Every structure is written in C-alpha cells, then in structure tokens.
Protein backbone atom coordinates (compact mmCIF):
# COMPACT_ATOMS: atom_id res chain seq x y z
CA MET A 1 68.42 60.86 18.14
CA ASN A 2 66.33 57.71 18.89
CA ALA A 3 63.64 59.38 21.28
CA THR A 4 62.16 57.36 23.14
CA HIS A 5 61.26 59.50 26.73
CA ASP A 6 58.32 56.74 28.53
CA THR A 7 61.12 53.69 28.10
CA VAL A 8 63.15 52.35 30.70
CA LEU A 9 66.33 51.64 29.90
CA ILE A 10 68.12 48.28 31.83
CA VAL A 11 71.89 47.90 31.55
CA GLY A 12 72.69 44.32 32.07
CA ALA A 13 70.36 40.88 31.43
CA GLY A 14 71.41 38.95 34.06
CA PRO A 15 68.92 37.70 37.13
CA VAL A 16 68.73 41.00 38.35
CA GLY A 17 68.12 43.51 35.28
CA LEU A 18 65.72 40.48 34.04
CA THR A 19 64.15 40.68 37.42
CA ALA A 20 63.46 44.41 36.97
CA ALA A 21 62.40 44.21 32.78
CA VAL A 22 59.76 41.65 34.12
CA GLN A 23 58.63 43.70 36.56
CA LEU A 24 57.98 46.93 34.51
CA ALA A 25 56.63 45.06 31.31
CA ARG A 26 53.77 43.36 33.59
CA LEU A 27 53.29 46.65 35.26
CA GLY A 28 52.87 48.32 31.68
CA VAL A 29 56.33 50.09 31.13
CA ALA A 30 58.06 50.03 28.13
CA VAL A 31 61.40 48.51 28.94
CA ARG A 32 64.81 48.00 26.96
CA VAL A 33 67.19 45.55 27.87
CA VAL A 34 70.69 45.86 26.80
CA GLU A 35 73.68 43.61 27.27
CA VAL A 36 77.29 43.60 26.16
CA LEU A 37 77.30 40.05 25.90
CA GLU A 38 76.69 38.49 22.43
CA GLN A 39 75.76 35.13 24.26
CA PRO A 40 74.34 34.07 27.60
CA THR A 41 77.00 33.27 30.05
CA THR A 42 77.62 29.41 30.67
CA GLU A 43 79.38 30.32 33.54
CA SER A 44 77.36 28.67 36.86
CA ARG A 45 77.78 31.63 38.75
CA ALA A 46 75.41 32.41 41.52
CA VAL A 47 73.65 29.41 42.57
CA GLY A 48 71.30 29.77 46.01
CA VAL A 49 67.96 31.26 45.27
CA HIS A 50 66.50 32.15 48.96
CA ALA A 51 63.22 32.19 50.21
CA ARG A 52 62.20 35.85 49.65
CA SER A 53 63.66 35.35 46.07
CA MET A 54 61.36 33.14 45.38
CA GLU A 55 58.24 34.31 46.91
CA LEU A 56 59.02 36.91 44.31
CA LEU A 57 60.01 34.84 41.57
CA ALA A 58 56.65 32.89 42.12
CA SER A 59 55.03 36.24 41.91
CA LEU A 60 56.44 36.89 38.34
CA GLY A 61 55.37 33.82 37.25
CA ALA A 62 58.81 31.99 36.67
CA LEU A 63 59.19 30.13 40.17
CA ASP A 64 57.75 26.66 38.44
CA ARG A 65 59.78 27.18 35.51
CA LEU A 66 63.17 27.44 37.38
CA GLU A 67 62.44 24.85 39.94
CA SER A 68 62.31 22.17 37.42
CA LEU A 69 66.01 22.77 36.87
CA GLY A 70 66.87 22.96 40.23
CA ARG A 71 67.52 21.23 43.89
CA ARG A 72 65.75 21.97 46.63
CA VAL A 73 67.88 22.23 49.46
CA PRO A 74 66.33 22.03 52.87
CA ALA A 75 69.40 23.12 55.38
CA LEU A 76 73.33 24.23 56.11
CA ASP A 77 75.53 22.46 57.50
CA VAL A 78 79.15 23.85 59.43
CA VAL A 79 81.02 21.58 59.15
CA ASP A 80 84.77 21.34 60.96
CA GLY A 81 86.93 20.54 57.58
CA ARG A 82 89.54 18.77 59.49
CA THR A 83 87.31 15.99 61.04
CA GLY A 84 84.29 15.84 59.12
CA ARG A 85 81.95 16.47 62.07
CA ALA A 86 79.14 18.52 61.58
CA ARG A 87 79.39 21.52 64.23
CA VAL A 88 75.76 22.66 63.41
CA ARG A 89 72.91 21.83 61.09
CA MET A 90 70.41 24.80 60.60
CA ASP A 91 67.28 23.65 59.38
CA LEU A 92 65.36 25.68 57.16
CA GLY A 93 61.96 24.29 57.24
CA ASN A 94 60.91 26.85 59.99
CA ALA A 95 61.06 29.60 57.54
CA PRO A 96 57.91 31.58 57.78
CA SER A 97 57.61 30.90 54.42
CA ARG A 98 55.86 28.91 51.77
CA HIS A 99 59.70 28.30 50.39
CA PRO A 100 61.46 27.01 53.51
CA TYR A 101 64.73 25.77 51.62
CA VAL A 102 67.38 27.16 49.04
CA LEU A 103 66.67 26.42 45.64
CA ASP A 104 70.34 25.53 44.11
CA VAL A 105 70.12 26.10 40.45
CA ALA A 106 72.70 27.37 38.40
CA GLN A 107 72.90 31.21 37.18
CA PRO A 108 72.39 30.43 33.24
CA ASP A 109 69.24 28.56 34.21
CA THR A 110 68.03 31.55 36.32
CA GLU A 111 68.73 33.74 33.40
CA ALA A 112 67.44 31.83 30.67
CA VAL A 113 63.91 31.63 33.08
CA LEU A 114 63.96 35.03 33.29
CA ALA A 115 64.30 35.76 29.57
CA GLU A 116 62.03 33.61 28.22
CA ARG A 117 59.76 35.35 31.05
CA ALA A 118 60.59 38.38 30.03
CA ALA A 119 59.63 37.97 26.21
CA GLU A 120 56.84 36.72 26.85
CA LEU A 121 55.79 40.02 28.31
CA GLY A 122 57.66 41.95 24.85
CA VAL A 123 61.00 42.42 26.41
CA VAL A 124 64.06 40.89 24.09
CA VAL A 125 67.47 41.53 25.31
CA ASP A 126 69.69 43.73 22.89
CA ARG A 127 72.78 41.17 23.37
CA GLY A 128 76.40 42.94 21.91
CA VAL A 129 75.46 46.06 22.85
CA ALA A 130 77.23 47.79 25.87
CA LEU A 131 76.69 51.72 27.34
CA ALA A 132 79.63 53.93 26.21
CA GLY A 133 78.05 57.28 27.32
CA LEU A 134 75.28 58.83 29.26
CA THR A 135 74.95 62.23 30.48
CA GLN A 136 71.12 63.35 31.74
CA ASP A 137 68.97 66.34 32.76
CA ASP A 138 65.20 66.91 34.56
CA ASP A 139 63.22 65.14 31.52
CA GLY A 140 65.58 61.87 30.63
CA VAL A 141 68.75 60.62 29.80
CA ASP A 142 70.90 60.63 26.70
CA VAL A 143 73.12 57.28 26.41
CA VAL A 144 75.22 56.36 23.52
CA LEU A 145 75.26 52.46 22.89
CA ARG A 146 77.97 51.10 20.91
CA SER A 147 77.82 47.42 18.71
CA ALA A 148 79.34 45.79 16.12
CA GLY A 149 77.67 48.24 14.09
CA GLY A 150 79.27 51.20 15.68
CA GLU A 151 77.62 53.72 18.04
CA SER A 152 73.83 55.07 18.33
CA ALA A 153 72.43 57.96 20.52
CA ALA A 154 69.20 57.32 22.66
CA ARG A 155 66.62 59.05 24.80
CA TYR A 156 65.28 57.22 28.13
CA GLY A 157 62.84 58.74 30.39
CA TRP A 158 65.09 56.37 33.35
CA VAL A 159 68.32 53.93 32.98
CA LEU A 160 68.75 51.12 35.20
CA GLY A 161 72.63 49.68 35.94
CA ALA A 162 72.17 46.11 36.54
CA ASP A 163 75.38 45.57 35.29
CA GLY A 164 77.72 44.02 37.49
CA GLY A 165 80.87 44.67 39.84
CA HIS A 166 82.40 46.49 36.92
CA SER A 167 79.95 48.21 36.12
CA THR A 168 79.88 51.07 33.38
CA THR A 169 76.61 52.69 34.56
CA ARG A 170 78.15 53.01 37.80
CA ARG A 171 81.75 54.78 36.19
CA LEU A 172 79.65 57.37 34.05
CA VAL A 173 77.79 58.91 36.99
CA GLY A 174 80.90 59.20 38.76
CA THR A 175 80.62 56.84 41.76
CA THR A 176 83.15 54.35 42.81
CA LEU A 177 82.69 51.55 45.44
CA GLU A 178 84.17 52.29 48.88
CA GLY A 179 85.12 49.71 51.05
CA GLY A 180 87.26 49.12 54.53
CA PHE A 181 88.09 45.62 53.71
CA HIS A 182 90.95 43.87 51.67
CA GLY A 183 90.34 41.75 48.31
CA GLN A 184 89.44 37.92 49.03
CA HIS A 185 89.95 35.19 46.72
CA PHE A 186 88.16 32.63 45.93
CA ALA A 187 89.16 29.25 43.80
CA MET A 188 85.73 28.49 42.25
CA ALA A 189 84.87 24.84 40.28
CA ASP A 190 81.44 23.87 38.78
CA ALA A 191 81.74 19.84 38.36
CA ASP A 192 80.60 16.63 38.73
CA VAL A 193 81.52 14.78 42.62
CA ASP A 194 81.34 11.78 44.30
CA THR A 195 80.80 12.11 47.90
CA SER A 196 79.62 10.51 50.84
CA TYR A 197 77.53 13.73 51.69
CA ALA A 198 74.05 13.73 50.77
CA PRO A 199 72.47 16.64 48.93
CA ASP A 200 70.46 17.65 51.43
CA SER A 201 72.54 20.43 52.64
CA ILE A 202 74.67 23.51 51.24
CA ARG A 203 77.73 22.65 53.39
CA MET A 204 80.32 25.54 54.73
CA PHE A 205 83.39 23.67 55.95
CA THR A 206 85.32 25.79 58.34
CA HIS A 207 89.25 25.51 58.46
CA PRO A 208 92.38 27.35 59.45
CA ASP A 209 93.85 27.78 56.14
CA GLY A 210 90.37 28.97 54.66
CA MET A 211 86.62 28.28 54.20
CA GLY A 212 85.35 25.84 51.64
CA MET A 213 81.85 25.72 50.09
CA LEU A 214 79.89 22.72 48.82
CA PHE A 215 76.76 23.49 46.86
CA PRO A 216 74.40 20.26 45.53
CA LEU A 217 73.21 21.27 42.16
CA ALA A 218 70.86 18.83 40.00
CA GLY A 219 72.30 15.46 39.62
CA ASP A 220 75.75 15.16 40.67
CA ARG A 221 76.66 18.49 39.52
CA ALA A 222 77.74 20.99 42.55
CA ARG A 223 79.64 24.25 43.17
CA ILE A 224 82.96 23.78 45.24
CA MET A 225 84.66 26.95 46.78
CA PHE A 226 87.49 27.73 48.65
CA LEU A 227 88.79 30.80 50.43
CA VAL A 228 92.59 31.20 48.80
CA ASP A 229 95.74 32.95 48.85
CA PRO A 230 96.38 35.47 45.69
CA PRO A 231 97.35 33.10 42.62
CA PRO A 232 99.94 33.78 40.83
CA GLU A 233 100.07 36.90 38.75
CA GLY A 234 98.36 35.82 35.51
CA THR A 235 96.60 33.08 36.25
CA THR A 236 92.89 32.89 35.91
CA ALA A 237 92.06 29.40 36.73
CA PRO A 238 92.99 26.84 39.12
CA THR A 239 93.76 23.17 37.43
CA LEU A 240 91.35 20.61 38.45
CA ALA A 241 94.17 18.84 40.57
CA GLU A 242 94.56 21.64 42.53
CA MET A 243 91.00 22.18 43.45
CA GLN A 244 91.13 18.57 44.71
CA ALA A 245 93.92 19.06 47.01
CA LEU A 246 92.29 21.78 48.46
CA ALA A 247 89.18 19.60 48.70
CA ASP A 248 91.30 16.64 50.34
CA VAL A 249 92.46 19.20 53.24
CA ARG A 250 89.46 21.16 53.61
CA MET A 251 87.02 18.93 52.93
CA GLY A 252 88.23 15.49 54.94
CA GLY A 253 88.61 13.72 51.69
CA ALA A 254 85.07 13.43 51.23
CA VAL A 255 84.51 15.01 47.86
CA ARG A 256 86.00 13.81 44.73
CA MET A 257 85.60 16.43 41.50
CA HIS A 258 85.39 15.26 37.58
CA THR A 259 84.40 16.30 34.62
CA PRO A 260 84.51 20.03 35.70
CA ARG A 261 82.41 22.77 33.15
CA TRP A 262 83.76 25.85 35.09
CA LEU A 263 87.41 26.39 36.41
CA THR A 264 88.09 29.87 37.34
CA TYR A 265 89.52 32.08 40.17
CA PHE A 266 88.36 35.02 41.65
CA GLU A 267 88.19 38.37 43.86
CA VAL A 268 85.75 40.02 46.08
CA HIS A 269 86.13 43.58 47.43
CA HIS A 270 83.49 44.26 50.14
CA ALA A 271 82.42 47.50 49.36
CA GLN A 272 79.42 49.72 48.66
CA VAL A 273 78.09 53.15 46.45
CA PRO A 274 77.44 55.61 48.80
CA ARG A 275 73.94 55.88 47.22
CA TYR A 276 71.77 53.89 44.96
CA ARG A 277 70.34 57.14 42.94
CA PHE A 278 71.99 59.32 40.65
CA GLY A 279 68.75 61.72 39.45
CA ARG A 280 67.34 59.20 36.64
CA VAL A 281 69.82 56.66 36.95
CA PHE A 282 69.70 54.08 39.50
CA LEU A 283 72.14 51.16 40.39
CA ALA A 284 71.36 47.81 41.52
CA GLY A 285 73.00 44.24 42.20
CA ASP A 286 76.66 44.05 42.22
CA ALA A 287 76.78 47.38 40.43
CA ALA A 288 75.87 48.90 43.72
CA HIS A 289 77.19 46.70 46.69
CA ILE A 290 79.93 43.66 45.89
CA HIS A 291 81.00 41.09 49.13
CA SER A 292 81.78 37.58 49.98
CA PRO A 293 79.87 34.73 48.44
CA ALA A 294 79.73 33.30 51.95
CA GLY A 295 75.60 32.93 52.82
CA ALA A 296 74.78 33.11 48.93
CA GLN A 297 73.52 36.74 49.19
CA GLY A 298 74.73 38.78 46.78
CA MET A 299 72.26 37.34 43.44
CA ASN A 300 69.22 37.39 45.79
CA THR A 301 70.26 40.95 47.23
CA GLY A 302 70.28 42.43 43.78
CA ILE A 303 66.74 40.57 42.82
CA GLN A 304 65.56 42.09 46.03
CA ASP A 305 66.62 45.65 44.52
CA ALA A 306 65.26 45.39 41.32
CA ALA A 307 61.87 44.22 42.95
CA ASN A 308 62.22 47.51 45.19
CA LEU A 309 62.34 50.13 42.46
CA ALA A 310 60.59 48.38 39.70
CA TRP A 311 57.35 49.14 41.03
CA LYS A 312 58.10 52.85 42.34
CA LEU A 313 59.63 53.56 38.88
CA ALA A 314 56.19 52.37 37.11
CA LEU A 315 54.31 54.70 39.10
CA VAL A 316 56.47 57.45 38.06
CA ALA A 317 57.38 56.96 34.68
CA GLN A 318 53.54 56.52 33.97
CA GLY A 319 53.19 60.00 35.77
CA ARG A 320 51.12 58.34 38.41
CA ALA A 321 53.40 59.58 41.56
CA ASP A 322 55.89 62.05 42.06
CA ALA A 323 59.75 61.03 41.95
CA ALA A 324 59.94 61.85 45.29
CA LEU A 325 58.63 58.39 45.65
CA LEU A 326 61.83 57.06 44.09
CA ASP A 327 64.12 58.60 46.76
CA SER A 328 62.77 55.65 48.54
CA TYR A 329 64.80 52.67 46.72
CA ASP A 330 68.08 54.01 48.34
CA ALA A 331 66.81 54.91 51.67
CA GLU A 332 65.31 51.31 52.02
CA ARG A 333 67.72 49.35 50.03
CA HIS A 334 70.87 51.04 50.77
CA PRO A 335 71.48 50.14 54.66
CA VAL A 336 70.16 46.39 53.36
CA GLY A 337 73.42 46.49 50.93
CA ALA A 338 75.35 47.76 54.16
CA MET A 339 73.86 45.00 56.28
CA VAL A 340 74.44 42.20 53.79
CA VAL A 341 78.42 43.11 53.25
CA ARG A 342 79.12 43.31 56.82
CA THR A 343 77.33 39.92 57.20
CA THR A 344 79.09 37.75 54.67
CA THR A 345 82.33 39.35 56.02
CA THR A 346 81.25 37.79 59.25
CA LEU A 347 80.50 34.76 57.78
CA THR A 348 83.78 34.57 55.76
CA GLU A 349 86.15 35.45 59.06
CA VAL A 350 83.96 32.67 61.18
CA GLY A 351 85.32 30.11 58.39
CA THR A 352 88.59 30.86 58.74
CA ALA A 353 89.26 31.48 62.34
CA SER A 354 92.06 29.35 64.62
CA GLY A 355 93.13 29.50 67.71
CA PRO A 356 90.83 31.71 70.67
CA GLU A 357 88.43 33.04 68.07
CA ALA A 358 87.94 29.84 66.92
CA VAL A 359 86.60 28.62 70.71
CA LEU A 360 84.21 31.79 70.28
CA ARG A 361 83.28 30.26 67.30
CA ASN A 362 82.66 26.90 68.16
CA VAL A 363 80.49 28.37 71.19
CA ALA A 364 77.97 30.18 68.71
CA MET A 365 77.85 27.26 66.41
CA PHE A 366 76.70 25.41 69.17
CA LEU A 367 74.23 27.69 70.28
CA VAL A 368 72.65 28.32 66.41
CA GLY A 369 72.71 24.53 66.46
CA HIS A 370 71.14 23.85 69.92
CA VAL A 371 68.34 26.78 70.52
CA HIS A 372 65.60 26.62 68.14
CA LYS A 373 64.58 30.11 68.63
CA VAL A 374 68.37 31.44 67.37
CA ARG A 375 68.45 28.55 64.80
CA ASP A 376 65.06 30.01 63.15
CA VAL A 377 66.22 33.61 63.59
CA ALA A 378 69.57 32.26 61.73
CA ALA A 379 67.26 30.49 59.22
CA SER A 380 65.16 33.04 58.49
CA THR A 381 67.94 35.92 58.45
CA MET A 382 70.00 33.82 55.71
CA ALA A 383 66.29 33.60 53.22
CA GLU A 384 66.27 37.01 53.48
CA LEU A 385 62.95 36.71 55.49
CA THR A 386 63.97 39.18 58.34
CA ILE A 387 64.17 42.72 56.10
CA ASN A 388 62.29 44.90 56.88
CA TYR A 389 61.32 48.98 55.82
CA ARG A 390 59.83 49.66 59.50
CA ASP A 391 61.90 53.18 59.45
CA SER A 392 60.72 53.74 55.73
CA ALA A 393 58.58 56.91 55.19
CA LEU A 394 56.45 54.31 53.10
CA SER A 395 55.57 52.50 55.95
CA VAL A 396 52.64 53.82 57.92
CA HIS A 397 51.28 52.02 60.72
CA HIS A 398 47.60 52.75 62.30
CA GLY A 399 46.32 51.15 65.49
CA ARG A 400 47.03 47.75 67.34
CA ALA A 401 47.72 45.09 64.10
CA ALA A 402 49.81 42.66 65.07
CA VAL A 403 51.87 43.02 62.23
CA LYS A 404 53.95 46.01 61.25
CA ALA A 405 53.97 48.10 58.24
CA GLY A 406 57.17 47.70 56.57
CA ASP A 407 58.06 44.06 57.50
CA HIS A 408 57.57 41.57 55.05
CA ALA A 409 53.66 40.70 54.34
CA PRO A 410 52.75 37.62 56.40
CA ASP A 411 51.39 34.59 54.14
CA PRO A 412 50.29 32.28 57.09
CA ALA A 413 49.50 28.31 56.20
CA GLY A 414 45.84 27.82 56.36
CA THR A 415 44.61 31.02 53.85
CA ALA A 416 42.70 30.06 50.72
CA VAL A 417 45.44 31.22 48.56
CA ALA A 418 49.18 32.12 48.88
CA ILE A 419 49.86 36.10 49.03
CA GLU A 420 52.48 35.38 46.15
CA ASP A 421 49.39 33.96 44.21
CA LEU A 422 47.57 37.12 44.93
CA LEU A 423 50.25 39.13 43.67
CA ALA A 424 50.61 37.44 40.56
CA THR A 425 47.72 39.99 39.36
CA PRO A 426 49.75 43.15 38.90
CA GLY A 427 49.73 45.60 41.49
CA PHE A 428 48.95 46.43 45.21
CA LEU A 429 47.65 43.88 47.00
CA LEU A 430 44.76 45.64 49.55
CA VAL A 431 43.75 42.95 52.24
CA VAL A 432 40.55 43.70 53.99
CA GLN A 433 38.74 42.71 57.69
CA GLY A 434 35.42 43.28 58.11
CA SER A 435 33.76 46.78 57.74
CA GLY A 436 32.03 46.20 55.02
CA GLN A 437 34.12 49.05 52.74
CA GLU A 438 35.20 46.76 50.25
CA ALA A 439 33.18 48.69 47.32
CA ALA A 440 34.50 52.18 48.35
CA LEU A 441 37.92 50.53 49.22
CA ARG A 442 38.10 49.23 45.54
CA GLU A 443 37.33 53.13 43.89
CA VAL A 444 39.62 54.66 45.79
CA LEU A 445 42.89 52.12 44.67
CA GLY A 446 41.04 51.76 41.40
CA ASP A 447 43.43 50.02 38.64
CA LEU A 448 46.12 50.03 41.34
CA GLY A 449 45.87 46.79 42.30
CA THR A 450 43.36 44.67 43.52
CA VAL A 451 41.15 43.97 47.10
CA VAL A 452 40.51 41.08 48.74
CA ALA A 453 38.66 40.16 52.12
CA ALA A 454 40.89 38.44 54.62
CA ASP A 455 39.71 34.76 55.34
CA ASP A 456 40.41 33.86 59.08
CA ALA A 457 43.71 32.62 59.32
CA LEU A 458 45.05 35.98 57.22
CA ALA A 459 42.99 37.89 60.00
CA GLN A 460 44.46 36.19 62.77
CA ALA A 461 48.08 36.68 61.29
CA TYR A 462 47.39 40.23 61.17
CA GLY A 463 46.02 40.83 64.44
CA TRP A 464 43.18 43.17 63.52
CA PRO A 465 40.52 43.42 66.48
CA ILE A 466 37.57 44.01 64.41
CA ASP A 467 38.05 46.24 61.16
CA GLY A 468 41.26 46.48 59.89
CA MET A 469 43.34 46.77 56.45
CA ALA A 470 46.70 45.89 55.22
CA LEU A 471 48.07 47.50 51.53
CA ILE A 472 51.01 44.90 50.51
CA ARG A 473 52.98 46.26 48.11
CA PRO A 474 53.86 44.73 44.75
CA ASP A 475 56.91 43.46 46.21
CA GLY A 476 55.82 41.94 49.29
CA TYR A 477 56.12 44.33 51.64
CA LEU A 478 53.54 46.00 53.90
CA GLY A 479 52.73 49.88 53.13
CA LEU A 480 50.05 51.35 55.15
CA VAL A 481 48.64 48.60 58.25
CA ALA A 482 45.66 50.10 59.92
CA ASP A 483 43.28 48.87 62.02
CA SER A 484 40.19 50.99 60.40
CA ALA A 485 39.22 50.12 56.89
CA HIS A 486 37.90 53.69 56.03
CA PRO A 487 38.66 54.76 52.56
CA ASP A 488 39.54 57.99 53.89
CA VAL A 489 42.84 56.26 55.22
CA LEU A 490 43.73 54.66 52.10
CA ARG A 491 43.42 57.74 50.16
CA ASP A 492 45.50 59.39 52.14
CA TYR A 493 47.85 56.85 52.14
CA LEU A 494 47.88 57.39 48.58
CA ALA A 495 48.59 60.74 48.35
CA THR A 496 50.96 61.52 51.19
CA SER A 497 53.06 58.73 51.80
CA LEU A 498 53.22 57.44 48.08
CA HIS A 499 53.40 60.82 46.28
CA PHE A 500 50.60 60.42 44.19
CA GLY A 501 50.26 63.68 42.13
CA GLY A 502 49.81 62.51 39.10
CA GLU A 503 47.24 62.16 36.36
CA ARG A 504 45.55 58.79 36.86
CA ILE A 505 45.93 57.26 33.50
CA GLU A 506 44.72 53.99 32.59
CA VAL A 507 47.16 51.40 32.47
CA THR A 508 46.91 47.84 30.70
CA ALA A 509 49.05 45.61 33.28
CA ARG A 510 49.72 41.80 32.09
CA PRO A 511 49.68 38.97 33.93
C-alpha cells in the first residue's frame, strides 16, 4: 500500500476542491487531487462569483486571471416577466468590499484558473481516477482508487470530499442528504443572445409559470435558466426552440437565443448532510449541501467551505494544533449551509408567486428597491458579506472594539493596502494599534503569520480606543479582537481557542 500519511487527498477538481488544494499548498501541506472526469468539463455550470469569494481568490493569487475571462455585473434586477418592468434594482455598489459586483464567468474558466494556480504550487490533478473505497482509523484513511489501469490502495492523513451532488465520498462515510423539499426541475441554456437588456445586471424574472434567470457572460454569451415541470422521462435536454418558447413567455420576448454551447435539464433538491466532519473525512460544497441556483449561492458557499477548512486542516496536519480544532469546521459552516438552503428555497418561491402571495412579494420588492438600508443589507447578504462566526468557539472578543470577533474583517477604503493583499502572505494577519508591542507579538505569532501596524483608516474602522489588536484568520474572518495588544492575550488565544498543543515546527509556506 502506498503510504502518504501527511498528505491530504481531495476528491473532486471543481472550484471547491481546487480552492482547498491551493490554500493547503500555500500553507505548506502536501496535497493530492483526484477527479473522475478524464477531461475538464466544458459545461458552464456555476457562473456567478460573489464579493466574498473574490476576496479569497485575490488572496490566493487567482482573481486577476479570472477577472480577465469574465464580466463584472454591478446589479441584480427583479423583473416582471409578463411586462418586462423592473420591480426592483439591487445595486451592489455599496457592498462593504473592494469587489462590489458579481463576476459572471463560466465554471470551466474558474476551474482552469484555479488548476493553473495549483500547478504553480506543485499540485497536479490526477484525472480519470475515482474513489472506490474508504476506511479510516485514528491515524489515517485507507482508500481504494480506481482508474483505467485498475485499482490501487493508498493511505492518507485526511480526505476532503468535494465531489459534487452525487458524492461518492458522502456515500462511503455512510451519510446522506436530508431535506424536506420536493425536487425542482430547471431547463438551462448556455448560448449567445440578442437582447434589449443591457449586460449590466443579473436578471431574475418573476412569472406565475416559474422563475427565469439571465446571467450575462463575456461578449454576447449568457446563461439562461427556467424553473419547469419535470421533463418527459428519458429527456436530458431541452431543444433551443423549447428554451426560446420559455423565454418568449417569461422574459417578455426580449431575449433571443442562438449558437447554444450547452442545453440541459437538471433537478435540484434542497437538502444537507447532518454534519460535515466524519473523523478524518470532510465534506464540502455540493457534497454537503444542494439547493436551488437562485441567488448563485452554491459554488460560492462551497468555496467558502473550502476556505474555512483548509487553514485549520493545515495546522492539524502539520502537528501544530490539536485535531479538536477541526470540529469548528462543522460548527461554523453547517449553519451557513442550512441558511443558504432556506434562502434559495425562498427566492425560488418568490419567483413563482401568484395571487395574494404575489401581492406580498411585490410589497417586499418595493421595500428592497426603495429603502436604501434594506437594499444594502440585501446586496451584502447576496454577496455573502453578512456571514459571521460570532458564536464560534474560535471567536474571542475582549473590550470595546467596534468590530466583533467572528465577523468578516473590515477592509475600508483609505487603507494603505487591502486586507486581501496582506493575506496574500500565507497564514494569519495580526493588525496592531499602538502599544509598541509589535516585536513581542511577532515572537508569539512566530511563523504562523504576519504582524502589521494599523494605519489611521484601519484603526478607525476597528474602533480601538487606544491600543488594540485583531487576529485575522487566513479565510478573512476575525478570530481574536481585543482593545489590548499585550502578548499574553495573543498567547492565550492561540493555546486555548486554536488548540495549539502540537510541536511548533518550521513550515515553508509558498506565496
């Protein structure tokens, strides 16, 4: 048996698995990625990358390349599909991020950019390799991998199942998706379009027959999808004429499709696994939660799953932190997945409302469109910028700082450098205000990360009265926030909250 005790095996080379691979490799962990597909998919699949994911991709060194392949979309419109009248326009420009827009880009491009970044870090995707068996003990995971050359056995330290809605990893750990919703069927096209709608917005069309979505991609290309009745048994894809007929009814005749790249039907259930950690095996992305594509939350939620797990797994795999740290992955991300399932279900129901329900929907849409505070909260929520881990055991708050431990780290305009740029150096980021304790804090933090002095803009954003510090996790969230910069406060946090009990070993992280 091939023994690779210190290596993390990632099953699945989609955006979720590749995000985890890049972050783990940057943090100095050996990674192997296997993917059952012989060649990368050409199907556009997930197309909307939200602000929170862009911040992470920037810190990983992948965003600039991805932006060159996509389209920045600064707004979301909800449109009455019968009249073509916009019910509400949700401008994303006030979102508290350096990326106040959605990046619409086909999933194969996202995968290609992440695979290129992973290769730069020494991670190569082994294609045509399927996970066929899995058992584990206290010290590792034994797997059986199947390829064209037959089956082989190997042992890994940890396994991440990022292998999609039909996850083999999920089945092998003995869990299932659980949900209380009926499956929903969608017809989808990736095609070029002629339309009177400007490519400056993602548009959700409400209609009694079912919602529709229009995502503008680069050039004349767009993603179009409709909620539909179950297709005839054995039918896997609509024709272009059938998609056009749906558009004529639900998009007011304003969208004409041609040159299709991909036509498909797909079914979505709203469901989630009971937990995300099974000993040394973890589930992320669609392997852990599936739901409606409304709001373009699926891929982004999966990317954030990977971001949350990777830095914790790196610390444990390297013997720097106790394995108890990994329990926080499920504790922090499972509630987020549950919230996304609820939200996307509601969005889909909103798109199909009729009668009294439609009246209530229209009132709600009016409030979103005309009350700035409501609109801004809705925009930040869609961008996943309101997600927090305030209730996590990893979130420790001391004193009167304005920001709260567990929140997404503020990155205000006017700072000398973006937080995402600072996080491009692998590890934690400790932002310090006053006190003159930087040298002592660097000694405590060691090679776990970087210590920087807060400039005036950051100090104001964090609201420290005089002295203070904030430990920003590699996934961009605040772990420790204190109105003291005493080294003992940091030392206690590392030992107590992050479960540092392992040997402090030197690790060569890669930029």
